PDB file of N, CA and C in Angstrom:
ATOM      1  N   UNK A   1     112.521  95.359  94.101  1.00  0.00           N
ATOM      2  CA  UNK A   1     112.474  94.837  95.439  1.00  0.00           C
ATOM      3  C   UNK A   1     111.135  94.141  95.628  1.00  0.00           C
ATOM      4  N   UNK A   2     111.146  93.070  96.401  1.00  0.00           N
ATOM      5  CA  UNK A   2     109.903  92.385  96.733  1.00  0.00           C
ATOM      6  C   UNK A   2     109.408  92.934  98.061  1.00  0.00           C
ATOM      7  N   UNK A   3     108.180  93.403  98.065  1.00  0.00           N
ATOM      8  CA  UNK A   3     107.544  93.918  99.275  1.00  0.00           C
ATOM      9  C   UNK A   3     106.506  92.896  99.720  1.00  0.00           C
ATOM     10  N   UNK A   4     106.549  92.501 100.983  1.00  0.00           N
ATOM     11  CA  UNK A   4     105.574  91.559 101.523  1.00  0.00           C
ATOM     12  C   UNK A   4     104.641  92.312 102.443  1.00  0.00           C
ATOM     13  N   UNK A   5     103.355  92.281 102.132  1.00  0.00           N
ATOM     14  CA  UNK A   5     102.348  92.928 102.956  1.00  0.00           C
ATOM     15  C   UNK A   5     102.219  92.160 104.267  1.00  0.00           C
ATOM     16  N   UNK A   6     102.421  92.835 105.394  1.00  0.00           N
ATOM     17  CA  UNK A   6     102.410  92.190 106.706  1.00  0.00           C
ATOM     18  C   UNK A   6     101.053  91.583 107.048  1.00  0.00           C
ATOM     19  N   UNK A   7      99.980  92.198 106.594  1.00  0.00           N
ATOM     20  CA  UNK A   7      98.642  91.691 106.937  1.00  0.00           C
ATOM     21  C   UNK A   7      98.245  90.492 106.088  1.00  0.00           C
ATOM     22  N   UNK A   8      98.441  90.586 104.779  1.00  0.00           N
ATOM     23  CA  UNK A   8      97.983  89.505 103.900  1.00  0.00           C
ATOM     24  C   UNK A   8      99.069  88.454 103.646  1.00  0.00           C
ATOM     25  N   UNK A   9     100.334  88.827 103.833  1.00  0.00           N
ATOM     26  CA  UNK A   9     101.432  87.907 103.538  1.00  0.00           C
ATOM     27  C   UNK A   9     101.737  87.796 102.053  1.00  0.00           C
ATOM     28  N   UNK A  10     101.018  88.549 101.232  1.00  0.00           N
ATOM     29  CA  UNK A  10     101.220  88.497  99.779  1.00  0.00           C
ATOM     30  C   UNK A  10     102.390  89.382  99.365  1.00  0.00           C
ATOM     31  N   UNK A  11     103.085  88.947  98.337  1.00  0.00           N
ATOM     32  CA  UNK A  11     104.244  89.677  97.818  1.00  0.00           C
ATOM     33  C   UNK A  11     103.857  90.467  96.579  1.00  0.00           C
ATOM     34  N   UNK A  12     104.584  91.573  96.386  1.00  0.00           N
ATOM     35  CA  UNK A  12     104.444  92.326  95.136  1.00  0.00           C
ATOM     36  C   UNK A  12     105.793  92.931  94.799  1.00  0.00           C
ATOM     37  N   UNK A  13     106.016  93.116  93.534  1.00  0.00           N
ATOM     38  CA  UNK A  13     107.267  93.686  93.056  1.00  0.00           C
ATOM     39  C   UNK A  13     107.157  95.200  93.063  1.00  0.00           C
ATOM     40  N   UNK A  14     108.126  95.869  93.690  1.00  0.00           N
ATOM     41  CA  UNK A  14     108.160  97.324  93.756  1.00  0.00           C
ATOM     42  C   UNK A  14     109.247  97.803  92.801  1.00  0.00           C
ATOM     43  N   UNK A  15     108.882  98.649  91.868  1.00  0.00           N
ATOM     44  CA  UNK A  15     109.841  99.188  90.917  1.00  0.00           C
ATOM     45  C   UNK A  15     109.938 100.692  91.089  1.00  0.00           C
ATOM     46  N   UNK A  16     111.161 101.224  90.953  1.00  0.00           N
ATOM     47  CA  UNK A  16     111.347 102.668  90.913  1.00  0.00           C
ATOM     48  C   UNK A  16     112.263 102.987  89.746  1.00  0.00           C
ATOM     49  N   UNK A  17     112.099 104.163  89.203  1.00  0.00           N
ATOM     50  CA  UNK A  17     112.937 104.579  88.080  1.00  0.00           C
ATOM     51  C   UNK A  17     114.263 105.135  88.604  1.00  0.00           C
ATOM     52  N   UNK A  18     115.215 105.285  87.705  1.00  0.00           N
ATOM     53  CA  UNK A  18     116.496 105.886  88.077  1.00  0.00           C
ATOM     54  C   UNK A  18     116.283 107.297  88.618  1.00  0.00           C
ATOM     55  N   UNK A  19     115.383 108.054  88.002  1.00  0.00           N
ATOM     56  CA  UNK A  19     115.103 109.414  88.469  1.00  0.00           C
ATOM     57  C   UNK A  19     114.529 109.404  89.886  1.00  0.00           C
ATOM     58  N   UNK A  20     113.595 108.494  90.160  1.00  0.00           N
ATOM     59  CA  UNK A  20     113.025 108.395  91.505  1.00  0.00           C
ATOM     60  C   UNK A  20     114.101 108.041  92.534  1.00  0.00           C
ATOM     61  N   UNK A  21     115.016 107.150  92.166  1.00  0.00           N
ATOM     62  CA  UNK A  21     116.099 106.775  93.066  1.00  0.00           C
ATOM     63  C   UNK A  21     117.009 107.966  93.340  1.00  0.00           C
ATOM     64  N   UNK A  22     117.358 108.724  92.305  1.00  0.00           N
ATOM     65  CA  UNK A  22     118.193 109.914  92.488  1.00  0.00           C
ATOM     66  C   UNK A  22     117.508 110.948  93.372  1.00  0.00           C
ATOM     67  N   UNK A  23     116.228 111.171  93.137  1.00  0.00           N
ATOM     68  CA  UNK A  23     115.492 112.150  93.937  1.00  0.00           C
ATOM     69  C   UNK A  23     115.418 111.719  95.405  1.00  0.00           C
ATOM     70  N   UNK A  24     115.210 110.442  95.644  1.00  0.00           N
ATOM     71  CA  UNK A  24     115.166 109.916  97.005  1.00  0.00           C
ATOM     72  C   UNK A  24     116.515 110.079  97.694  1.00  0.00           C
ATOM     73  N   UNK A  25     117.588 109.804  96.966  1.00  0.00           N
ATOM     74  CA  UNK A  25     118.934 109.952  97.514  1.00  0.00           C
ATOM     75  C   UNK A  25     119.224 111.415  97.836  1.00  0.00           C
ATOM     76  N   UNK A  26     118.871 112.309  96.920  1.00  0.00           N
ATOM     77  CA  UNK A  26     119.081 113.745  97.164  1.00  0.00           C
ATOM     78  C   UNK A  26     118.299 114.232  98.371  1.00  0.00           C
ATOM     79  N   UNK A  27     117.136 113.611  98.626  1.00  0.00           N
ATOM     80  CA  UNK A  27     116.301 114.004  99.771  1.00  0.00           C
ATOM     81  C   UNK A  27     116.823 113.425 101.083  1.00  0.00           C
ATOM     82  N   UNK A  28     117.872 112.597 101.012  1.00  0.00           N
ATOM     83  CA  UNK A  28     118.498 112.085 102.228  1.00  0.00           C
ATOM     84  C   UNK A  28     118.116 110.670 102.624  1.00  0.00           C
ATOM     85  N   UNK A  29     117.367 109.962 101.788  1.00  0.00           N
ATOM     86  CA  UNK A  29     116.984 108.588 102.125  1.00  0.00           C
ATOM     87  C   UNK A  29     118.227 107.724 102.292  1.00  0.00           C
ATOM     88  N   UNK A  30     118.258 106.940 103.349  1.00  0.00           N
ATOM     89  CA  UNK A  30     119.374 106.036 103.585  1.00  0.00           C
ATOM     90  C   UNK A  30     120.630 106.675 104.152  1.00  0.00           C
ATOM     91  N   UNK A  31     120.562 107.964 104.469  1.00  0.00           N
ATOM     92  CA  UNK A  31     121.746 108.664 104.970  1.00  0.00           C
ATOM     93  C   UNK A  31     122.039 108.248 106.410  1.00  0.00           C
ATOM     94  N   UNK A  32     123.284 107.873 106.643  1.00  0.00           N
ATOM     95  CA  UNK A  32     123.728 107.446 107.970  1.00  0.00           C
ATOM     96  C   UNK A  32     125.003 108.166 108.350  1.00  0.00           C
ATOM     97  N   UNK A  33     125.265 108.308 109.659  1.00  0.00           N
ATOM     98  CA  UNK A  33     126.555 108.871 110.080  1.00  0.00           C
ATOM     99  C   UNK A  33     127.692 107.964 109.583  1.00  0.00           C
ATOM    100  N   UNK A  34     128.841 108.522 109.230  1.00  0.00           N
ATOM    101  CA  UNK A  34     129.945 107.713 108.695  1.00  0.00           C
ATOM    102  C   UNK A  34     130.304 106.493 109.541  1.00  0.00           C
ATOM    103  N   UNK A  35     130.257 106.602 110.847  1.00  0.00           N
ATOM    104  CA  UNK A  35     130.634 105.481 111.717  1.00  0.00           C
ATOM    105  C   UNK A  35     129.666 104.294 111.593  1.00  0.00           C
ATOM    106  N   UNK A  36     128.456 104.536 111.114  1.00  0.00           N
ATOM    107  CA  UNK A  36     127.453 103.475 110.987  1.00  0.00           C
ATOM    108  C   UNK A  36     127.349 102.911 109.579  1.00  0.00           C
ATOM    109  N   UNK A  37     128.119 103.438 108.649  1.00  0.00           N
ATOM    110  CA  UNK A  37     128.019 103.022 107.245  1.00  0.00           C
ATOM    111  C   UNK A  37     128.754 101.719 106.986  1.00  0.00           C
ATOM    112  N   UNK A  38     128.167 100.939 106.130  1.00  0.00           N
ATOM    113  CA  UNK A  38     128.774  99.697 105.657  1.00  0.00           C
ATOM    114  C   UNK A  38     128.601  99.684 104.152  1.00  0.00           C
ATOM    115  N   UNK A  39     129.666  99.399 103.431  1.00  0.00           N
ATOM    116  CA  UNK A  39     129.566  99.397 101.973  1.00  0.00           C
ATOM    117  C   UNK A  39     130.623  98.473 101.370  1.00  0.00           C
ATOM    118  N   UNK A  40     130.429  97.180 101.585  1.00  0.00           N
ATOM    119  CA  UNK A  40     131.320  96.187 101.014  1.00  0.00           C
ATOM    120  C   UNK A  40     130.854  95.864  99.596  1.00  0.00           C
ATOM    121  N   UNK A  41     131.787  95.814  98.653  1.00  0.00           N
ATOM    122  CA  UNK A  41     131.471  95.542  97.252  1.00  0.00           C
ATOM    123  C   UNK A  41     132.193  94.276  96.820  1.00  0.00           C
ATOM    124  N   UNK A  42     131.444  93.351  96.216  1.00  0.00           N
ATOM    125  CA  UNK A  42     132.012  92.107  95.715  1.00  0.00           C
ATOM    126  C   UNK A  42     131.616  91.935  94.255  1.00  0.00           C
ATOM    127  N   UNK A  43     132.595  91.781  93.386  1.00  0.00           N
ATOM    128  CA  UNK A  43     132.308  91.479  91.983  1.00  0.00           C
ATOM    129  C   UNK A  43     132.074  89.976  91.911  1.00  0.00           C
ATOM    130  N   UNK A  44     130.849  89.579  91.618  1.00  0.00           N
ATOM    131  CA  UNK A  44     130.496  88.165  91.596  1.00  0.00           C
ATOM    132  C   UNK A  44     130.913  87.490  90.299  1.00  0.00           C
ATOM    133  N   UNK A  45     130.785  88.195  89.178  1.00  0.00           N
ATOM    134  CA  UNK A  45     131.150  87.596  87.894  1.00  0.00           C
ATOM    135  C   UNK A  45     131.324  88.677  86.844  1.00  0.00           C
ATOM    136  N   UNK A  46     132.296  88.463  85.974  1.00  0.00           N
ATOM    137  CA  UNK A  46     132.489  89.318  84.799  1.00  0.00           C
ATOM    138  C   UNK A  46     132.635  88.398  83.605  1.00  0.00           C
ATOM    139  N   UNK A  47     131.917  88.705  82.558  1.00  0.00           N
ATOM    140  CA  UNK A  47     132.063  87.988  81.292  1.00  0.00           C
ATOM    141  C   UNK A  47     132.013  89.021  80.186  1.00  0.00           C
ATOM    142  N   UNK A  48     133.141  89.220  79.520  1.00  0.00           N
ATOM    143  CA  UNK A  48     133.202  90.226  78.470  1.00  0.00           C
ATOM    144  C   UNK A  48     132.858  91.603  79.004  1.00  0.00           C
ATOM    145  N   UNK A  49     131.789  92.176  78.481  1.00  0.00           N
ATOM    146  CA  UNK A  49     131.357  93.514  78.871  1.00  0.00           C
ATOM    147  C   UNK A  49     130.186  93.506  79.845  1.00  0.00           C
ATOM    148  N   UNK A  50     129.955  92.368  80.529  1.00  0.00           N
ATOM    149  CA  UNK A  50     128.850  92.262  81.478  1.00  0.00           C
ATOM    150  C   UNK A  50     129.393  91.832  82.838  1.00  0.00           C
ATOM    151  N   UNK A  51     128.758  92.333  83.902  1.00  0.00           N
ATOM    152  CA  UNK A  51     129.185  91.973  85.248  1.00  0.00           C
ATOM    153  C   UNK A  51     127.993  91.963  86.194  1.00  0.00           C
ATOM    154  N   UNK A  52     128.124  91.135  87.247  1.00  0.00           N
ATOM    155  CA  UNK A  52     127.168  91.113  88.353  1.00  0.00           C
ATOM    156  C   UNK A  52     127.944  91.477  89.611  1.00  0.00           C
ATOM    157  N   UNK A  53     127.453  92.465  90.357  1.00  0.00           N
ATOM    158  CA  UNK A  53     128.148  92.992  91.527  1.00  0.00           C
ATOM    159  C   UNK A  53     127.197  92.989  92.715  1.00  0.00           C
ATOM    160  N   UNK A  54     127.714  92.588  93.891  1.00  0.00           N
ATOM    161  CA  UNK A  54     126.928  92.629  95.127  1.00  0.00           C
ATOM    162  C   UNK A  54     127.461  93.757  96.002  1.00  0.00           C
ATOM    163  N   UNK A  55     126.560  94.596  96.504  1.00  0.00           N
ATOM    164  CA  UNK A  55     126.912  95.671  97.423  1.00  0.00           C
ATOM    165  C   UNK A  55     126.211  95.408  98.745  1.00  0.00           C
ATOM    166  N   UNK A  56     126.998  95.202  99.796  1.00  0.00           N
ATOM    167  CA  UNK A  56     126.449  95.026 101.139  1.00  0.00           C
ATOM    168  C   UNK A  56     126.480  96.377 101.840  1.00  0.00           C
ATOM    169  N   UNK A  57     125.325  97.018 101.878  1.00  0.00           N
ATOM    170  CA  UNK A  57     125.202  98.313 102.553  1.00  0.00           C
ATOM    171  C   UNK A  57     124.642  98.089 103.954  1.00  0.00           C
ATOM    172  N   UNK A  58     124.553  99.129 104.716  1.00  0.00           N
ATOM    173  CA  UNK A  58     124.093  99.016 106.097  1.00  0.00           C
ATOM    174  C   UNK A  58     122.669  98.494 106.187  1.00  0.00           C
ATOM    175  N   UNK A  59     121.763  99.049 105.403  1.00  0.00           N
ATOM    176  CA  UNK A  59     120.346  98.719 105.535  1.00  0.00           C
ATOM    177  C   UNK A  59     119.823  97.794 104.440  1.00  0.00           C
ATOM    178  N   UNK A  60     120.633  97.450 103.454  1.00  0.00           N
ATOM    179  CA  UNK A  60     120.154  96.619 102.347  1.00  0.00           C
ATOM    180  C   UNK A  60     121.320  95.927 101.652  1.00  0.00           C
ATOM    181  N   UNK A  61     120.975  94.998 100.742  1.00  0.00           N
ATOM    182  CA  UNK A  61     121.948  94.354  99.858  1.00  0.00           C
ATOM    183  C   UNK A  61     121.477  94.607  98.431  1.00  0.00           C
ATOM    184  N   UNK A  62     122.373  95.135  97.596  1.00  0.00           N
ATOM    185  CA  UNK A  62     122.087  95.383  96.181  1.00  0.00           C
ATOM    186  C   UNK A  62     122.769  94.338  95.322  1.00  0.00           C
ATOM    187  N   UNK A  63     122.101  93.925  94.257  1.00  0.00           N
ATOM    188  CA  UNK A  63     122.721  93.150  93.189  1.00  0.00           C
ATOM    189  C   UNK A  63     122.630  94.009  91.937  1.00  0.00           C
ATOM    190  N   UNK A  64     123.793  94.394  91.416  1.00  0.00           N
ATOM    191  CA  UNK A  64     123.848  95.295  90.265  1.00  0.00           C
ATOM    192  C   UNK A  64     124.167  94.521  89.000  1.00  0.00           C
ATOM    193  N   UNK A  65     123.426  94.800  87.948  1.00  0.00           N
ATOM    194  CA  UNK A  65     123.783  94.321  86.613  1.00  0.00           C
ATOM    195  C   UNK A  65     124.486  95.486  85.938  1.00  0.00           C
ATOM    196  N   UNK A  66     125.693  95.252  85.486  1.00  0.00           N
ATOM    197  CA  UNK A  66     126.478  96.319  84.871  1.00  0.00           C
ATOM    198  C   UNK A  66     126.966  95.889  83.502  1.00  0.00           C
ATOM    199  N   UNK A  67     127.184  96.884  82.645  1.00  0.00           N
ATOM    200  CA  UNK A  67     127.800  96.652  81.342  1.00  0.00           C
ATOM    201  C   UNK A  67     128.925  97.668  81.145  1.00  0.00           C
ATOM    202  N   UNK A  68     129.886  97.268  80.344  1.00  0.00           N
ATOM    203  CA  UNK A  68     130.949  98.206  79.983  1.00  0.00           C
ATOM    204  C   UNK A  68     130.511  98.882  78.694  1.00  0.00           C
ATOM    205  N   UNK A  69     130.313 100.188  78.798  1.00  0.00           N
ATOM    206  CA  UNK A  69     129.758 100.962  77.686  1.00  0.00           C
ATOM    207  C   UNK A  69     130.669 102.148  77.435  1.00  0.00           C
ATOM    208  N   UNK A  70     131.197 102.240  76.230  1.00  0.00           N
ATOM    209  CA  UNK A  70     132.142 103.299  75.870  1.00  0.00           C
ATOM    210  C   UNK A  70     133.318 103.359  76.854  1.00  0.00           C
ATOM    211  N   UNK A  71     133.801 102.163  77.249  1.00  0.00           N
ATOM    212  CA  UNK A  71     134.972 102.088  78.110  1.00  0.00           C
ATOM    213  C   UNK A  71     134.718 102.318  79.589  1.00  0.00           C
ATOM    214  N   UNK A  72     133.454 102.432  79.986  1.00  0.00           N
ATOM    215  CA  UNK A  72     133.110 102.738  81.378  1.00  0.00           C
ATOM    216  C   UNK A  72     132.039 101.773  81.875  1.00  0.00           C
ATOM    217  N   UNK A  73     132.198 101.256  83.116  1.00  0.00           N
ATOM    218  CA  UNK A  73     131.176 100.381  83.694  1.00  0.00           C
ATOM    219  C   UNK A  73     129.985 101.210  84.146  1.00  0.00           C
ATOM    220  N   UNK A  74     128.778 100.817  83.711  1.00  0.00           N
ATOM    221  CA  UNK A  74     127.554 101.519  84.093  1.00  0.00           C
ATOM    222  C   UNK A  74     126.518 100.509  84.594  1.00  0.00           C
ATOM    223  N   UNK A  75     125.714 100.940  85.535  1.00  0.00           N
ATOM    224  CA  UNK A  75     124.653 100.105  86.094  1.00  0.00           C
ATOM    225  C   UNK A  75     123.450 100.158  85.160  1.00  0.00           C
ATOM    226  N   UNK A  76     122.923  98.986  84.801  1.00  0.00           N
ATOM    227  CA  UNK A  76     121.724  98.948  83.966  1.00  0.00           C
ATOM    228  C   UNK A  76     120.504  98.465  84.734  1.00  0.00           C
ATOM    229  N   UNK A  77     120.732  97.784  85.866  1.00  0.00           N
ATOM    230  CA  UNK A  77     119.614  97.308  86.671  1.00  0.00           C
ATOM    231  C   UNK A  77     120.103  97.028  88.093  1.00  0.00           C
ATOM    232  N   UNK A  78     119.204  97.201  89.045  1.00  0.00           N
ATOM    233  CA  UNK A  78     119.508  96.908  90.444  1.00  0.00           C
ATOM    234  C   UNK A  78     118.332  96.132  91.038  1.00  0.00           C
ATOM    235  N   UNK A  79     118.659  95.064  91.741  1.00  0.00           N
ATOM    236  CA  UNK A  79     117.672  94.344  92.550  1.00  0.00           C
ATOM    237  C   UNK A  79     118.190  94.409  93.972  1.00  0.00           C
ATOM    238  N   UNK A  80     117.317  94.753  94.924  1.00  0.00           N
ATOM    239  CA  UNK A  80     117.807  94.871  96.293  1.00  0.00           C
ATOM    240  C   UNK A  80     116.817  94.261  97.279  1.00  0.00           C
ATOM    241  N   UNK A  81     117.356  93.999  98.458  1.00  0.00           N
ATOM    242  CA  UNK A  81     116.558  93.471  99.564  1.00  0.00           C
ATOM    243  C   UNK A  81     116.974  94.222 100.815  1.00  0.00           C
ATOM    244  N   UNK A  82     116.013  94.742 101.551  1.00  0.00           N
ATOM    245  CA  UNK A  82     116.310  95.427 102.809  1.00  0.00           C
ATOM    246  C   UNK A  82     116.714  94.409 103.866  1.00  0.00           C
ATOM    247  N   UNK A  83     117.656  94.803 104.705  1.00  0.00           N
ATOM    248  CA  UNK A  83     118.030  93.962 105.841  1.00  0.00           C
ATOM    249  C   UNK A  83     116.955  94.090 106.917  1.00  0.00           C
ATOM    250  N   UNK A  84     116.742  93.035 107.700  1.00  0.00           N
ATOM    251  CA  UNK A  84     115.788  93.157 108.819  1.00  0.00           C
ATOM    252  C   UNK A  84     116.273  94.251 109.779  1.00  0.00           C
ATOM    253  N   UNK A  85     115.346  95.017 110.306  1.00  0.00           N
ATOM    254  CA  UNK A  85     115.691  96.075 111.260  1.00  0.00           C
ATOM    255  C   UNK A  85     115.955  95.463 112.622  1.00  0.00           C
ATOM    256  N   UNK A  86     117.034  95.917 113.253  1.00  0.00           N
ATOM    257  CA  UNK A  86     117.323  95.461 114.602  1.00  0.00           C
ATOM    258  C   UNK A  86     116.896  96.546 115.572  1.00  0.00           C
ATOM    259  N   UNK A  87     116.472  96.155 116.705  1.00  0.00           N
ATOM    260  CA  UNK A  87     115.988  97.138 117.681  1.00  0.00           C
ATOM    261  C   UNK A  87     116.918  97.216 118.843  1.00  0.00           C
TER     262      UNK A  87
END
């Protein structure tokens, strides 16, 4: 994810590991009541054993890089952007 510092306006790339993402999810990050959830999934492209998928969630948009490995689709990378907060 690209993080833009509000004071300086400079951008930096924020990386987290799969373990950090799992731990954050287990701790409840991003948890919303069912009525407020949005989770539209669009397969943008598939070529052989590779795919690009877009997930429109309530608070962010994910772009997933996936591969078919041992007969199962698995995520190998995620790039995401948070949606602007509405007040």
